[in-house]
N, C-alpha and C. Protein backbone atom coordinates (compact mmCIF):
# COMPACT_ATOMS: atom_id res chain seq x y z
N UNK A 1 175.99 -96.15 -38.51
CA UNK A 1 175.69 -97.05 -37.42
C UNK A 1 176.76 -96.85 -36.36
N UNK A 2 176.34 -96.63 -35.15
CA UNK A 2 177.27 -96.43 -34.06
C UNK A 2 177.89 -97.77 -33.65
N UNK A 3 178.95 -97.68 -32.85
CA UNK A 3 179.63 -98.89 -32.40
C UNK A 3 178.71 -99.75 -31.53
N UNK A 4 177.89 -99.10 -30.73
CA UNK A 4 176.96 -99.84 -29.88
C UNK A 4 175.91 -100.55 -30.75
N UNK A 5 175.40 -99.85 -31.74
CA UNK A 5 174.42 -100.46 -32.64
C UNK A 5 175.02 -101.64 -33.39
N UNK A 6 176.24 -101.47 -33.84
CA UNK A 6 176.91 -102.55 -34.56
C UNK A 6 177.11 -103.75 -33.63
N UNK A 7 177.46 -103.50 -32.38
CA UNK A 7 177.65 -104.59 -31.42
C UNK A 7 176.33 -105.30 -31.13
N UNK A 8 175.22 -104.58 -31.16
CA UNK A 8 173.92 -105.19 -30.94
C UNK A 8 173.44 -105.97 -32.16
N UNK A 9 173.74 -105.45 -33.33
CA UNK A 9 173.24 -106.08 -34.55
C UNK A 9 174.02 -107.34 -34.93
N UNK A 10 175.30 -107.40 -34.60
CA UNK A 10 176.13 -108.53 -35.00
C UNK A 10 175.60 -109.88 -34.48
N UNK A 11 175.29 -110.02 -33.19
CA UNK A 11 174.74 -111.32 -32.74
C UNK A 11 173.40 -111.67 -33.39
N UNK A 12 172.56 -110.66 -33.59
CA UNK A 12 171.28 -110.89 -34.26
C UNK A 12 171.51 -111.38 -35.69
N UNK A 13 172.45 -110.77 -36.37
CA UNK A 13 172.77 -111.15 -37.74
C UNK A 13 173.31 -112.57 -37.83
N UNK A 14 174.18 -112.92 -36.93
CA UNK A 14 174.76 -114.28 -36.92
C UNK A 14 173.68 -115.32 -36.62
N UNK A 15 172.88 -115.05 -35.60
CA UNK A 15 171.82 -116.00 -35.22
C UNK A 15 170.80 -116.17 -36.34
N UNK A 16 170.43 -115.07 -36.98
CA UNK A 16 169.44 -115.18 -38.05
C UNK A 16 170.03 -115.89 -39.27
N UNK A 17 171.32 -115.72 -39.52
CA UNK A 17 171.96 -116.42 -40.64
C UNK A 17 171.99 -117.93 -40.40
N UNK A 18 172.31 -118.33 -39.19
CA UNK A 18 172.34 -119.76 -38.86
C UNK A 18 170.93 -120.35 -38.96
N UNK A 19 169.96 -119.65 -38.39
CA UNK A 19 168.57 -120.13 -38.47
C UNK A 19 168.10 -120.20 -39.91
N UNK A 20 168.44 -119.20 -40.70
CA UNK A 20 168.06 -119.19 -42.11
C UNK A 20 168.67 -120.34 -42.87
N UNK A 21 169.92 -120.66 -42.59
CA UNK A 21 170.58 -121.80 -43.23
C UNK A 21 169.89 -123.11 -42.90
N UNK A 22 169.51 -123.27 -41.65
CA UNK A 22 168.82 -124.50 -41.24
C UNK A 22 167.44 -124.59 -41.90
N UNK A 23 166.74 -123.48 -41.94
CA UNK A 23 165.42 -123.45 -42.57
C UNK A 23 165.54 -123.75 -44.06
N UNK A 24 166.51 -123.12 -44.72
CA UNK A 24 166.70 -123.32 -46.16
C UNK A 24 167.06 -124.77 -46.47
N UNK A 25 167.91 -125.37 -45.66
CA UNK A 25 168.28 -126.77 -45.88
C UNK A 25 167.10 -127.70 -45.76
N UNK A 26 166.29 -127.47 -44.76
CA UNK A 26 165.10 -128.32 -44.56
C UNK A 26 164.08 -128.09 -45.68
N UNK A 27 163.89 -126.84 -46.07
CA UNK A 27 162.96 -126.52 -47.14
C UNK A 27 163.39 -127.14 -48.46
N UNK A 28 164.69 -127.05 -48.77
CA UNK A 28 165.20 -127.65 -49.99
C UNK A 28 164.98 -129.16 -50.00
N UNK A 29 165.26 -129.81 -48.88
CA UNK A 29 165.07 -131.27 -48.80
C UNK A 29 163.61 -131.64 -49.01
N UNK A 30 162.70 -130.88 -48.41
CA UNK A 30 161.27 -131.15 -48.59
C UNK A 30 160.86 -130.97 -50.05
N UNK A 31 161.30 -129.89 -50.66
CA UNK A 31 160.95 -129.65 -52.07
C UNK A 31 161.53 -130.74 -52.95
N UNK A 32 162.78 -131.11 -52.71
CA UNK A 32 163.43 -132.13 -53.54
C UNK A 32 162.71 -133.47 -53.44
N UNK A 33 162.30 -133.84 -52.23
CA UNK A 33 161.60 -135.12 -52.06
C UNK A 33 160.26 -135.13 -52.78
N UNK A 34 159.65 -133.97 -52.94
CA UNK A 34 158.35 -133.90 -53.63
C UNK A 34 158.49 -133.91 -55.14
N UNK A 35 159.60 -133.36 -55.67
CA UNK A 35 159.73 -133.29 -57.13
C UNK A 35 160.62 -134.39 -57.70
N UNK A 36 161.36 -135.07 -56.87
CA UNK A 36 162.27 -136.11 -57.34
C UNK A 36 161.49 -137.36 -57.70
N UNK A 37 161.68 -137.85 -58.92
CA UNK A 37 160.96 -139.07 -59.31
C UNK A 37 161.45 -140.31 -58.57
N UNK A 38 162.69 -140.30 -58.15
CA UNK A 38 163.26 -141.48 -57.50
C UNK A 38 163.08 -141.46 -55.99
N UNK A 39 162.60 -140.35 -55.44
CA UNK A 39 162.39 -140.20 -54.00
C UNK A 39 163.66 -140.47 -53.19
N UNK A 40 164.81 -140.08 -53.76
CA UNK A 40 166.10 -140.24 -53.08
C UNK A 40 166.55 -138.89 -52.55
N UNK A 41 167.64 -138.93 -51.80
CA UNK A 41 168.26 -137.69 -51.34
C UNK A 41 168.76 -136.91 -52.55
N UNK A 42 168.95 -135.60 -52.42
CA UNK A 42 169.49 -134.82 -53.55
C UNK A 42 170.87 -135.37 -53.95
N UNK A 43 171.16 -135.39 -55.23
CA UNK A 43 172.43 -135.97 -55.68
C UNK A 43 173.62 -135.08 -55.36
N UNK A 44 174.73 -135.72 -55.07
CA UNK A 44 176.00 -135.02 -54.93
C UNK A 44 176.53 -134.81 -56.34
N UNK A 45 177.01 -133.62 -56.69
CA UNK A 45 177.51 -133.40 -58.05
C UNK A 45 178.63 -134.36 -58.47
N UNK A 46 179.33 -134.93 -57.49
CA UNK A 46 180.41 -135.86 -57.81
C UNK A 46 179.94 -137.31 -57.92
N UNK A 47 178.67 -137.55 -57.64
CA UNK A 47 178.11 -138.90 -57.73
C UNK A 47 177.79 -139.20 -59.19
N UNK A 48 178.63 -139.98 -59.84
CA UNK A 48 178.48 -140.26 -61.26
C UNK A 48 177.43 -141.33 -61.56
N UNK A 49 176.86 -141.92 -60.51
CA UNK A 49 175.79 -142.89 -60.71
C UNK A 49 174.44 -142.20 -60.94
N UNK A 50 174.35 -140.93 -60.63
CA UNK A 50 173.13 -140.15 -60.87
C UNK A 50 173.33 -139.30 -62.12
N UNK A 51 172.27 -138.93 -62.77
CA UNK A 51 172.39 -138.18 -64.03
C UNK A 51 172.90 -136.75 -63.78
N UNK A 52 173.59 -136.24 -64.77
CA UNK A 52 174.09 -134.88 -64.69
C UNK A 52 172.95 -133.87 -64.64
N UNK A 53 171.92 -134.16 -65.38
CA UNK A 53 170.75 -133.27 -65.39
C UNK A 53 170.14 -133.17 -63.99
N UNK A 54 170.04 -134.30 -63.32
CA UNK A 54 169.48 -134.32 -61.97
C UNK A 54 170.37 -133.55 -60.99
N UNK A 55 171.68 -133.73 -61.11
CA UNK A 55 172.61 -133.05 -60.22
C UNK A 55 172.57 -131.54 -60.43
N UNK A 56 172.52 -131.10 -61.67
CA UNK A 56 172.49 -129.67 -61.97
C UNK A 56 171.15 -129.07 -61.56
N UNK A 57 170.06 -129.79 -61.78
CA UNK A 57 168.74 -129.31 -61.36
C UNK A 57 168.69 -129.14 -59.84
N UNK A 58 169.23 -130.12 -59.13
CA UNK A 58 169.25 -130.04 -57.66
C UNK A 58 170.09 -128.86 -57.19
N UNK A 59 171.23 -128.64 -57.83
CA UNK A 59 172.09 -127.52 -57.44
C UNK A 59 171.42 -126.18 -57.71
N UNK A 60 170.74 -126.07 -58.84
CA UNK A 60 170.04 -124.83 -59.17
C UNK A 60 168.90 -124.57 -58.19
N UNK A 61 168.15 -125.60 -57.88
CA UNK A 61 167.05 -125.46 -56.93
C UNK A 61 167.57 -125.09 -55.54
N UNK A 62 168.66 -125.73 -55.15
CA UNK A 62 169.24 -125.44 -53.84
C UNK A 62 169.71 -123.98 -53.77
N UNK A 63 170.34 -123.50 -54.82
CA UNK A 63 170.78 -122.11 -54.86
C UNK A 63 169.61 -121.15 -54.79
N UNK A 64 168.54 -121.47 -55.51
CA UNK A 64 167.34 -120.63 -55.49
C UNK A 64 166.72 -120.57 -54.10
N UNK A 65 166.56 -121.73 -53.48
CA UNK A 65 165.95 -121.79 -52.15
C UNK A 65 166.81 -121.05 -51.14
N UNK A 66 168.13 -121.30 -51.14
CA UNK A 66 169.00 -120.63 -50.18
C UNK A 66 169.01 -119.12 -50.39
N UNK A 67 169.02 -118.69 -51.63
CA UNK A 67 169.01 -117.26 -51.92
C UNK A 67 167.74 -116.59 -51.44
N UNK A 68 166.60 -117.21 -51.73
CA UNK A 68 165.33 -116.65 -51.29
C UNK A 68 165.20 -116.61 -49.77
N UNK A 69 165.58 -117.69 -49.12
CA UNK A 69 165.47 -117.74 -47.66
C UNK A 69 166.43 -116.74 -47.04
N UNK A 70 167.63 -116.65 -47.57
CA UNK A 70 168.60 -115.70 -47.01
C UNK A 70 168.09 -114.26 -47.13
N UNK A 71 167.56 -113.91 -48.29
CA UNK A 71 167.03 -112.56 -48.48
C UNK A 71 165.86 -112.29 -47.53
N UNK A 72 164.96 -113.26 -47.39
CA UNK A 72 163.81 -113.08 -46.51
C UNK A 72 164.24 -112.94 -45.04
N UNK A 73 165.19 -113.76 -44.61
CA UNK A 73 165.65 -113.71 -43.23
C UNK A 73 166.43 -112.42 -42.96
N UNK A 74 167.29 -112.01 -43.89
CA UNK A 74 168.03 -110.76 -43.72
C UNK A 74 167.08 -109.57 -43.65
N UNK A 75 166.07 -109.59 -44.52
CA UNK A 75 165.10 -108.50 -44.55
C UNK A 75 164.31 -108.46 -43.24
N UNK A 76 163.87 -109.61 -42.77
CA UNK A 76 163.09 -109.66 -41.53
C UNK A 76 163.93 -109.23 -40.33
N UNK A 77 165.19 -109.65 -40.28
CA UNK A 77 166.02 -109.24 -39.15
C UNK A 77 166.33 -107.75 -39.19
N UNK A 78 166.47 -107.18 -40.38
CA UNK A 78 166.69 -105.73 -40.49
C UNK A 78 165.45 -104.96 -40.03
N UNK A 79 164.27 -105.45 -40.42
CA UNK A 79 163.03 -104.82 -39.96
C UNK A 79 162.89 -104.92 -38.44
N UNK A 80 163.19 -106.09 -37.90
CA UNK A 80 163.12 -106.29 -36.46
C UNK A 80 164.08 -105.39 -35.71
N UNK A 81 165.30 -105.27 -36.23
CA UNK A 81 166.30 -104.41 -35.60
C UNK A 81 165.84 -102.96 -35.61
N UNK A 82 165.30 -102.53 -36.76
CA UNK A 82 164.83 -101.14 -36.85
C UNK A 82 163.64 -100.90 -35.93
N UNK A 83 162.78 -101.89 -35.77
CA UNK A 83 161.63 -101.73 -34.89
C UNK A 83 162.06 -101.55 -33.43
N UNK A 84 163.15 -102.21 -33.06
CA UNK A 84 163.62 -102.13 -31.67
C UNK A 84 164.47 -100.88 -31.43
N UNK A 85 165.36 -100.57 -32.35
CA UNK A 85 166.32 -99.48 -32.13
C UNK A 85 165.95 -98.17 -32.81
N UNK A 86 165.00 -98.20 -33.72
CA UNK A 86 164.58 -97.01 -34.48
C UNK A 86 165.70 -96.45 -35.35
N UNK A 87 166.60 -97.30 -35.79
CA UNK A 87 167.62 -96.90 -36.77
C UNK A 87 167.92 -98.08 -37.67
N UNK A 88 168.31 -97.81 -38.90
CA UNK A 88 168.58 -98.90 -39.85
C UNK A 88 169.86 -99.65 -39.45
N UNK A 89 169.95 -100.93 -39.84
CA UNK A 89 171.11 -101.73 -39.45
C UNK A 89 172.36 -101.47 -40.29
N UNK A 90 172.30 -100.62 -41.29
CA UNK A 90 173.49 -100.38 -42.12
C UNK A 90 174.23 -99.15 -41.74
């Protein structure tokens, strides 16, 4: 990747990462509200008033959602970059 290509890809990468994080956070909250029996916000792992099982389940789900969204957004931005510049982003 040339210096010019790297300079062009960096802002795209940052913007897509921020957008992906926002999308993943919203998606996780929506999923949690649908599967949570108590219809509360996801538990904080340090909140001892909520069950450990619930806290660990929420953390696992959050990691899964963020990982999937990050991979999808990274893949889409790489495809978009290649479509515009005709070279891979790596």
